[in-house]
Amino acid sequence: MTWNKPNKDDRSDNVEKLQDMVQNTIENIERAEESLHFSSSEQREQIEAKNQRREESIQAFRAEIQDEANARENGFRE
């Protein structure tokens, strides 16, 4: 019987991936805000609620970016 080895935890590009996620989320917020001009009041409420959740996600991404940057600076190794 052969055992599969787990994949190595490669965190080398996590900061960059998280930064891309922040940028994509910001772009989604901007697109959603542009669509507010053409939305009904119900759609407007939904868009605003979703953008609020997106803002919260951005805060979480930024905290994780800081954690990953600190790990990188401290020489994270598996």
PDB file of N, CA and C in Angstrom:
ATOM      1  N   MET A   1       0.847  -1.176   0.000  1.00  0.00           N
ATOM      2  CA  MET A   1       0.000   0.000   0.000  1.00  0.00           C
ATOM      3  C   MET A   1       0.893   1.240   0.000  1.00  0.00           C
ATOM      4  N   THR A   2       0.577   2.204  -0.866  1.00  0.00           N
ATOM      5  CA  THR A   2       1.357   3.439  -0.910  1.00  0.00           C
ATOM      6  C   THR A   2       0.564   4.572  -0.289  1.00  0.00           C
ATOM      7  N   TRP A   3       1.288   5.396   0.405  1.00  0.00           N
ATOM      8  CA  TRP A   3       0.657   6.552   1.032  1.00  0.00           C
ATOM      9  C   TRP A   3       0.984   7.788   0.213  1.00  0.00           C
ATOM     10  N   ASN A   4      -0.019   8.576  -0.003  1.00  0.00           N
ATOM     11  CA  ASN A   4       0.210   9.843  -0.702  1.00  0.00           C
ATOM     12  C   ASN A   4       0.720  10.873   0.287  1.00  0.00           C
ATOM     13  N   LYS A   5       1.774  11.544  -0.110  1.00  0.00           N
ATOM     14  CA  LYS A   5       2.304  12.606   0.729  1.00  0.00           C
ATOM     15  C   LYS A   5       1.444  13.855   0.522  1.00  0.00           C
ATOM     16  N   PRO A   6       1.156  14.568   1.588  1.00  0.00           N
ATOM     17  CA  PRO A   6       0.402  15.813   1.421  1.00  0.00           C
ATOM     18  C   PRO A   6       1.240  16.830   0.646  1.00  0.00           C
ATOM     19  N   ASN A   7       0.546  17.694  -0.070  1.00  0.00           N
ATOM     20  CA  ASN A   7       1.249  18.745  -0.806  1.00  0.00           C
ATOM     21  C   ASN A   7       1.941  19.690   0.161  1.00  0.00           C
ATOM     22  N   LYS A   8       3.109  20.131  -0.262  1.00  0.00           N
ATOM     23  CA  LYS A   8       3.862  21.087   0.537  1.00  0.00           C
ATOM     24  C   LYS A   8       3.055  22.377   0.651  1.00  0.00           C
ATOM     25  N   ASP A   9       3.072  22.980   1.809  1.00  0.00           N
ATOM     26  CA  ASP A   9       2.370  24.236   2.048  1.00  0.00           C
ATOM     27  C   ASP A   9       3.199  25.365   1.454  1.00  0.00           C
ATOM     28  N   ASP A  10       2.848  25.784   0.233  1.00  0.00           N
ATOM     29  CA  ASP A  10       3.598  26.823  -0.456  1.00  0.00           C
ATOM     30  C   ASP A  10       2.914  28.168  -0.246  1.00  0.00           C
ATOM     31  N   ARG A  11       3.460  28.950   0.655  1.00  0.00           N
ATOM     32  CA  ARG A  11       2.883  30.253   0.985  1.00  0.00           C
ATOM     33  C   ARG A  11       3.639  31.382   0.305  1.00  0.00           C
ATOM     34  N   SER A  12       4.523  31.056  -0.600  1.00  0.00           N
ATOM     35  CA  SER A  12       5.412  32.057  -1.165  1.00  0.00           C
ATOM     36  C   SER A  12       4.691  33.161  -1.921  1.00  0.00           C
ATOM     37  N   ASP A  13       3.523  32.881  -2.492  1.00  0.00           N
ATOM     38  CA  ASP A  13       2.822  33.910  -3.268  1.00  0.00           C
ATOM     39  C   ASP A  13       1.469  34.288  -2.673  1.00  0.00           C
ATOM     40  N   ASN A  14       1.249  33.957  -1.417  1.00  0.00           N
ATOM     41  CA  ASN A  14      -0.039  34.266  -0.787  1.00  0.00           C
ATOM     42  C   ASN A  14      -0.316  35.763  -0.725  1.00  0.00           C
ATOM     43  N   VAL A  15       0.696  36.553  -0.437  1.00  0.00           N
ATOM     44  CA  VAL A  15       0.490  38.004  -0.339  1.00  0.00           C
ATOM     45  C   VAL A  15      -0.006  38.535  -1.684  1.00  0.00           C
ATOM     46  N   GLU A  16       0.637  38.116  -2.752  1.00  0.00           N
ATOM     47  CA  GLU A  16       0.244  38.586  -4.078  1.00  0.00           C
ATOM     48  C   GLU A  16      -1.163  38.114  -4.454  1.00  0.00           C
ATOM     49  N   LYS A  17      -1.483  36.883  -4.122  1.00  0.00           N
ATOM     50  CA  LYS A  17      -2.832  36.368  -4.409  1.00  0.00           C
ATOM     51  C   LYS A  17      -3.887  37.149  -3.628  1.00  0.00           C
ATOM     52  N   LEU A  18      -3.600  37.421  -2.380  1.00  0.00           N
ATOM     53  CA  LEU A  18      -4.542  38.185  -1.557  1.00  0.00           C
ATOM     54  C   LEU A  18      -4.687  39.616  -2.070  1.00  0.00           C
ATOM     55  N   GLN A  19      -3.596  40.217  -2.505  1.00  0.00           N
ATOM     56  CA  GLN A  19      -3.671  41.567  -3.061  1.00  0.00           C
ATOM     57  C   GLN A  19      -4.528  41.588  -4.326  1.00  0.00           C
ATOM     58  N   ASP A  20      -4.403  40.550  -5.154  1.00  0.00           N
ATOM     59  CA  ASP A  20      -5.258  40.433  -6.345  1.00  0.00           C
ATOM     60  C   ASP A  20      -6.725  40.312  -5.939  1.00  0.00           C
ATOM     61  N   MET A  21      -6.978  39.560  -4.896  1.00  0.00           N
ATOM     62  CA  MET A  21      -8.358  39.388  -4.429  1.00  0.00           C
ATOM     63  C   MET A  21      -8.933  40.718  -3.940  1.00  0.00           C
ATOM     64  N   VAL A  22      -8.116  41.510  -3.247  1.00  0.00           N
ATOM     65  CA  VAL A  22      -8.557  42.831  -2.788  1.00  0.00           C
ATOM     66  C   VAL A  22      -8.888  43.696  -3.999  1.00  0.00           C
ATOM     67  N   GLN A  23      -7.995  43.716  -4.986  1.00  0.00           N
ATOM     68  CA  GLN A  23      -8.212  44.546  -6.166  1.00  0.00           C
ATOM     69  C   GLN A  23      -9.473  44.111  -6.913  1.00  0.00           C
ATOM     70  N   ASN A  24      -9.678  42.815  -7.067  1.00  0.00           N
ATOM     71  CA  ASN A  24     -10.877  42.313  -7.746  1.00  0.00           C
ATOM     72  C   ASN A  24     -12.145  42.699  -6.989  1.00  0.00           C
ATOM     73  N   THR A  25     -12.086  42.629  -5.684  1.00  0.00           N
ATOM     74  CA  THR A  25     -13.251  42.981  -4.866  1.00  0.00           C
ATOM     75  C   THR A  25     -13.557  44.476  -4.975  1.00  0.00           C
ATOM     76  N   ILE A  26     -12.522  45.294  -4.991  1.00  0.00           N
ATOM     77  CA  ILE A  26     -12.719  46.731  -5.165  1.00  0.00           C
ATOM     78  C   ILE A  26     -13.369  47.017  -6.521  1.00  0.00           C
ATOM     79  N   GLU A  27     -12.905  46.341  -7.546  1.00  0.00           N
ATOM     80  CA  GLU A  27     -13.494  46.521  -8.877  1.00  0.00           C
ATOM     81  C   GLU A  27     -14.963  46.096  -8.888  1.00  0.00           C
ATOM     82  N   ASN A  28     -15.278  45.020  -8.190  1.00  0.00           N
ATOM     83  CA  ASN A  28     -16.673  44.579  -8.103  1.00  0.00           C
ATOM     84  C   ASN A  28     -17.544  45.615  -7.393  1.00  0.00           C
ATOM     85  N   ILE A  29     -17.004  46.221  -6.359  1.00  0.00           N
ATOM     86  CA  ILE A  29     -17.738  47.269  -5.646  1.00  0.00           C
ATOM     87  C   ILE A  29     -18.011  48.433  -6.597  1.00  0.00           C
ATOM     88  N   GLU A  30     -16.992  48.840  -7.323  1.00  0.00           N
ATOM     89  CA  GLU A  30     -17.146  49.965  -8.243  1.00  0.00           C
ATOM     90  C   GLU A  30     -18.190  49.671  -9.321  1.00  0.00           C
ATOM     91  N   ARG A  31     -18.143  48.466  -9.886  1.00  0.00           N
ATOM     92  CA  ARG A  31     -19.140  48.091 -10.903  1.00  0.00           C
ATOM     93  C   ARG A  31     -20.546  48.085 -10.316  1.00  0.00           C
ATOM     94  N   ALA A  32     -20.656  47.570  -9.111  1.00  0.00           N
ATOM     95  CA  ALA A  32     -21.971  47.515  -8.462  1.00  0.00           C
ATOM     96  C   ALA A  32     -22.496  48.925  -8.200  1.00  0.00           C
ATOM     97  N   GLU A  33     -21.613  49.822  -7.772  1.00  0.00           N
ATOM     98  CA  GLU A  33     -22.040  51.200  -7.524  1.00  0.00           C
ATOM     99  C   GLU A  33     -22.491  51.885  -8.807  1.00  0.00           C
ATOM    100  N   GLU A  34     -21.822  51.567  -9.917  1.00  0.00           N
ATOM    101  CA  GLU A  34     -22.240  52.122 -11.202  1.00  0.00           C
ATOM    102  C   GLU A  34     -23.635  51.632 -11.586  1.00  0.00           C
ATOM    103  N   SER A  35     -23.940  50.390 -11.230  1.00  0.00           N
ATOM    104  CA  SER A  35     -25.242  49.816 -11.590  1.00  0.00           C
ATOM    105  C   SER A  35     -26.379  50.375 -10.725  1.00  0.00           C
ATOM    106  N   LEU A  36     -26.037  51.031  -9.625  1.00  0.00           N
ATOM    107  CA  LEU A  36     -27.075  51.603  -8.761  1.00  0.00           C
ATOM    108  C   LEU A  36     -27.955  52.595  -9.510  1.00  0.00           C
ATOM    109  N   HIS A  37     -27.389  53.282 -10.489  1.00  0.00           N
ATOM    110  CA  HIS A  37     -28.137  54.287 -11.249  1.00  0.00           C
ATOM    111  C   HIS A  37     -29.302  53.677 -12.030  1.00  0.00           C
ATOM    112  N   PHE A  38     -29.195  52.383 -12.325  1.00  0.00           N
ATOM    113  CA  PHE A  38     -30.193  51.714 -13.150  1.00  0.00           C
ATOM    114  C   PHE A  38     -31.000  50.686 -12.374  1.00  0.00           C
ATOM    115  N   SER A  39     -30.949  50.757 -11.060  1.00  0.00           N
ATOM    116  CA  SER A  39     -31.556  49.727 -10.214  1.00  0.00           C
ATOM    117  C   SER A  39     -32.824  50.228  -9.543  1.00  0.00           C
ATOM    118  N   SER A  40     -33.700  49.264  -9.285  1.00  0.00           N
ATOM    119  CA  SER A  40     -34.891  49.572  -8.497  1.00  0.00           C
ATOM    120  C   SER A  40     -34.477  49.736  -7.038  1.00  0.00           C
ATOM    121  N   SER A  41     -35.392  50.213  -6.213  1.00  0.00           N
ATOM    122  CA  SER A  41     -35.046  50.411  -4.800  1.00  0.00           C
ATOM    123  C   SER A  41     -34.704  49.083  -4.118  1.00  0.00           C
ATOM    124  N   GLU A  42     -35.398  48.018  -4.496  1.00  0.00           N
ATOM    125  CA  GLU A  42     -35.094  46.706  -3.901  1.00  0.00           C
ATOM    126  C   GLU A  42     -33.708  46.231  -4.333  1.00  0.00           C
ATOM    127  N   GLN A  43     -33.407  46.369  -5.620  1.00  0.00           N
ATOM    128  CA  GLN A  43     -32.086  45.981  -6.114  1.00  0.00           C
ATOM    129  C   GLN A  43     -30.997  46.834  -5.467  1.00  0.00           C
ATOM    130  N   ARG A  44     -31.302  48.098  -5.285  1.00  0.00           N
ATOM    131  CA  ARG A  44     -30.348  49.027  -4.670  1.00  0.00           C
ATOM    132  C   ARG A  44     -29.989  48.558  -3.256  1.00  0.00           C
ATOM    133  N   GLU A  45     -30.981  48.160  -2.480  1.00  0.00           N
ATOM    134  CA  GLU A  45     -30.728  47.663  -1.124  1.00  0.00           C
ATOM    135  C   GLU A  45     -29.861  46.416  -1.154  1.00  0.00           C
ATOM    136  N   GLN A  46     -30.147  45.521  -2.099  1.00  0.00           N
ATOM    137  CA  GLN A  46     -29.362  44.291  -2.209  1.00  0.00           C
ATOM    138  C   GLN A  46     -27.913  44.593  -2.585  1.00  0.00           C
ATOM    139  N   ILE A  47     -27.739  45.507  -3.531  1.00  0.00           N
ATOM    140  CA  ILE A  47     -26.391  45.883  -3.964  1.00  0.00           C
ATOM    141  C   ILE A  47     -25.626  46.531  -2.816  1.00  0.00           C
ATOM    142  N   GLU A  48     -26.278  47.424  -2.101  1.00  0.00           N
ATOM    143  CA  GLU A  48     -25.608  48.093  -0.982  1.00  0.00           C
ATOM    144  C   GLU A  48     -25.235  47.105   0.116  1.00  0.00           C
ATOM    145  N   ALA A  49     -26.105  46.127   0.374  1.00  0.00           N
ATOM    146  CA  ALA A  49     -25.797  45.107   1.386  1.00  0.00           C
ATOM    147  C   ALA A  49     -24.618  44.246   0.935  1.00  0.00           C
ATOM    148  N   LYS A  50     -24.613  43.895  -0.347  1.00  0.00           N
ATOM    149  CA  LYS A  50     -23.519  43.070  -0.859  1.00  0.00           C
ATOM    150  C   LYS A  50     -22.201  43.843  -0.821  1.00  0.00           C
ATOM    151  N   ASN A  51     -22.265  45.127  -1.168  1.00  0.00           N
ATOM    152  CA  ASN A  51     -21.040  45.927  -1.108  1.00  0.00           C
ATOM    153  C   ASN A  51     -20.528  46.064   0.320  1.00  0.00           C
ATOM    154  N   GLN A  52     -21.424  46.112   1.283  1.00  0.00           N
ATOM    155  CA  GLN A  52     -20.996  46.149   2.685  1.00  0.00           C
ATOM    156  C   GLN A  52     -20.238  44.869   3.045  1.00  0.00           C
ATOM    157  N   ARG A  53     -20.766  43.730   2.591  1.00  0.00           N
ATOM    158  CA  ARG A  53     -20.075  42.457   2.835  1.00  0.00           C
ATOM    159  C   ARG A  53     -18.722  42.432   2.124  1.00  0.00           C
ATOM    160  N   ARG A  54     -18.681  43.009   0.933  1.00  0.00           N
ATOM    161  CA  ARG A  54     -17.407  43.088   0.209  1.00  0.00           C
ATOM    162  C   ARG A  54     -16.396  43.929   0.979  1.00  0.00           C
ATOM    163  N   GLU A  55     -16.839  45.042   1.543  1.00  0.00           N
ATOM    164  CA  GLU A  55     -15.942  45.891   2.345  1.00  0.00           C
ATOM    165  C   GLU A  55     -15.393  45.117   3.536  1.00  0.00           C
ATOM    166  N   GLU A  56     -16.242  44.314   4.167  1.00  0.00           N
ATOM    167  CA  GLU A  56     -15.796  43.500   5.296  1.00  0.00           C
ATOM    168  C   GLU A  56     -14.776  42.463   4.837  1.00  0.00           C
ATOM    169  N   SER A  57     -14.995  41.895   3.656  1.00  0.00           N
ATOM    170  CA  SER A  57     -14.044  40.927   3.110  1.00  0.00           C
ATOM    171  C   SER A  57     -12.697  41.581   2.848  1.00  0.00           C
ATOM    172  N   ILE A  58     -12.724  42.794   2.324  1.00  0.00           N
ATOM    173  CA  ILE A  58     -11.472  43.511   2.059  1.00  0.00           C
ATOM    174  C   ILE A  58     -10.694  43.707   3.358  1.00  0.00           C
ATOM    175  N   GLN A  59     -11.387  44.060   4.426  1.00  0.00           N
ATOM    176  CA  GLN A  59     -10.709  44.229   5.718  1.00  0.00           C
ATOM    177  C   GLN A  59     -10.063  42.922   6.161  1.00  0.00           C
ATOM    178  N   ALA A  60     -10.781  41.817   5.969  1.00  0.00           N
ATOM    179  CA  ALA A  60     -10.236  40.511   6.348  1.00  0.00           C
ATOM    180  C   ALA A  60      -9.042  40.143   5.461  1.00  0.00           C
ATOM    181  N   PHE A  61      -9.143  40.421   4.154  1.00  0.00           N
ATOM    182  CA  PHE A  61      -8.019  40.159   3.247  1.00  0.00           C
ATOM    183  C   PHE A  61      -6.791  40.944   3.682  1.00  0.00           C
ATOM    184  N   ARG A  62      -6.995  42.208   4.026  1.00  0.00           N
ATOM    185  CA  ARG A  62      -5.859  43.050   4.410  1.00  0.00           C
ATOM    186  C   ARG A  62      -5.205  42.559   5.700  1.00  0.00           C
ATOM    187  N   ALA A  63      -5.998  42.077   6.625  1.00  0.00           N
ATOM    188  CA  ALA A  63      -5.433  41.505   7.852  1.00  0.00           C
ATOM    189  C   ALA A  63      -4.636  40.243   7.528  1.00  0.00           C
ATOM    190  N   GLU A  64      -5.159  39.440   6.615  1.00  0.00           N
ATOM    191  CA  GLU A  64      -4.455  38.223   6.229  1.00  0.00           C
ATOM    192  C   GLU A  64      -3.175  38.557   5.452  1.00  0.00           C
ATOM    193  N   ILE A  65      -3.225  39.598   4.629  1.00  0.00           N
ATOM    194  CA  ILE A  65      -2.024  40.042   3.923  1.00  0.00           C
ATOM    195  C   ILE A  65      -0.941  40.403   4.937  1.00  0.00           C
ATOM    196  N   GLN A  66      -1.312  41.122   5.976  1.00  0.00           N
ATOM    197  CA  GLN A  66      -0.338  41.502   7.004  1.00  0.00           C
ATOM    198  C   GLN A  66       0.242  40.268   7.687  1.00  0.00           C
ATOM    199  N   ASP A  67      -0.624  39.304   8.008  1.00  0.00           N
ATOM    200  CA  ASP A  67      -0.151  38.065   8.629  1.00  0.00           C
ATOM    201  C   ASP A  67       0.826  37.330   7.721  1.00  0.00           C
ATOM    202  N   GLU A  68       0.480  37.236   6.442  1.00  0.00           N
ATOM    203  CA  GLU A  68       1.341  36.528   5.492  1.00  0.00           C
ATOM    204  C   GLU A  68       2.657  37.277   5.286  1.00  0.00           C
ATOM    205  N   ALA A  69       2.595  38.597   5.218  1.00  0.00           N
ATOM    206  CA  ALA A  69       3.823  39.384   5.065  1.00  0.00           C
ATOM    207  C   ALA A  69       4.726  39.195   6.279  1.00  0.00           C
ATOM    208  N   ASN A  70       4.141  39.184   7.465  1.00  0.00           N
ATOM    209  CA  ASN A  70       4.929  38.942   8.680  1.00  0.00           C
ATOM    210  C   ASN A  70       5.544  37.569   8.666  1.00  0.00           C
ATOM    211  N   ALA A  71       4.788  36.568   8.225  1.00  0.00           N
ATOM    212  CA  ALA A  71       5.313  35.207   8.162  1.00  0.00           C
ATOM    213  C   ALA A  71       6.482  35.146   7.167  1.00  0.00           C
ATOM    214  N   ARG A  72       6.323  35.839   6.053  1.00  0.00           N
ATOM    215  CA  ARG A  72       7.388  35.870   5.054  1.00  0.00           C
ATOM    216  C   ARG A  72       8.648  36.511   5.622  1.00  0.00           C
ATOM    217  N   GLU A  73       8.481  37.640   6.314  1.00  0.00           N
ATOM    218  CA  GLU A  73       9.622  38.343   6.905  1.00  0.00           C
ATOM    219  C   GLU A  73      10.311  37.493   7.969  1.00  0.00           C
ATOM    220  N   ASN A  74       9.537  36.682   8.664  1.00  0.00           N
ATOM    221  CA  ASN A  74      10.089  35.848   9.737  1.00  0.00           C
ATOM    222  C   ASN A  74      10.598  34.518   9.209  1.00  0.00           C
ATOM    223  N   GLY A  75      10.654  34.370   7.897  1.00  0.00           N
ATOM    224  CA  GLY A  75      11.214  33.169   7.302  1.00  0.00           C
ATOM    225  C   GLY A  75      10.351  31.949   7.439  1.00  0.00           C
ATOM    226  N   PHE A  76       9.057  32.075   7.124  1.00  0.00           N
ATOM    227  CA  PHE A  76       8.154  30.941   7.233  1.00  0.00           C
ATOM    228  C   PHE A  76       8.713  29.748   6.473  1.00  0.00           C
ATOM    229  N   ARG A  77       8.722  28.647   7.132  1.00  0.00           N
ATOM    230  CA  ARG A  77       9.106  27.370   6.524  1.00  0.00           C
ATOM    231  C   ARG A  77       8.080  26.331   6.970  1.00  0.00           C
ATOM    232  N   GLU A  78       7.840  25.376   6.101  1.00  0.00           N
ATOM    233  CA  GLU A  78       6.904  24.307   6.452  1.00  0.00           C
ATOM    234  C   GLU A  78       7.446  23.463   7.563  1.00  0.00           C
TER     235      GLU A  78
END
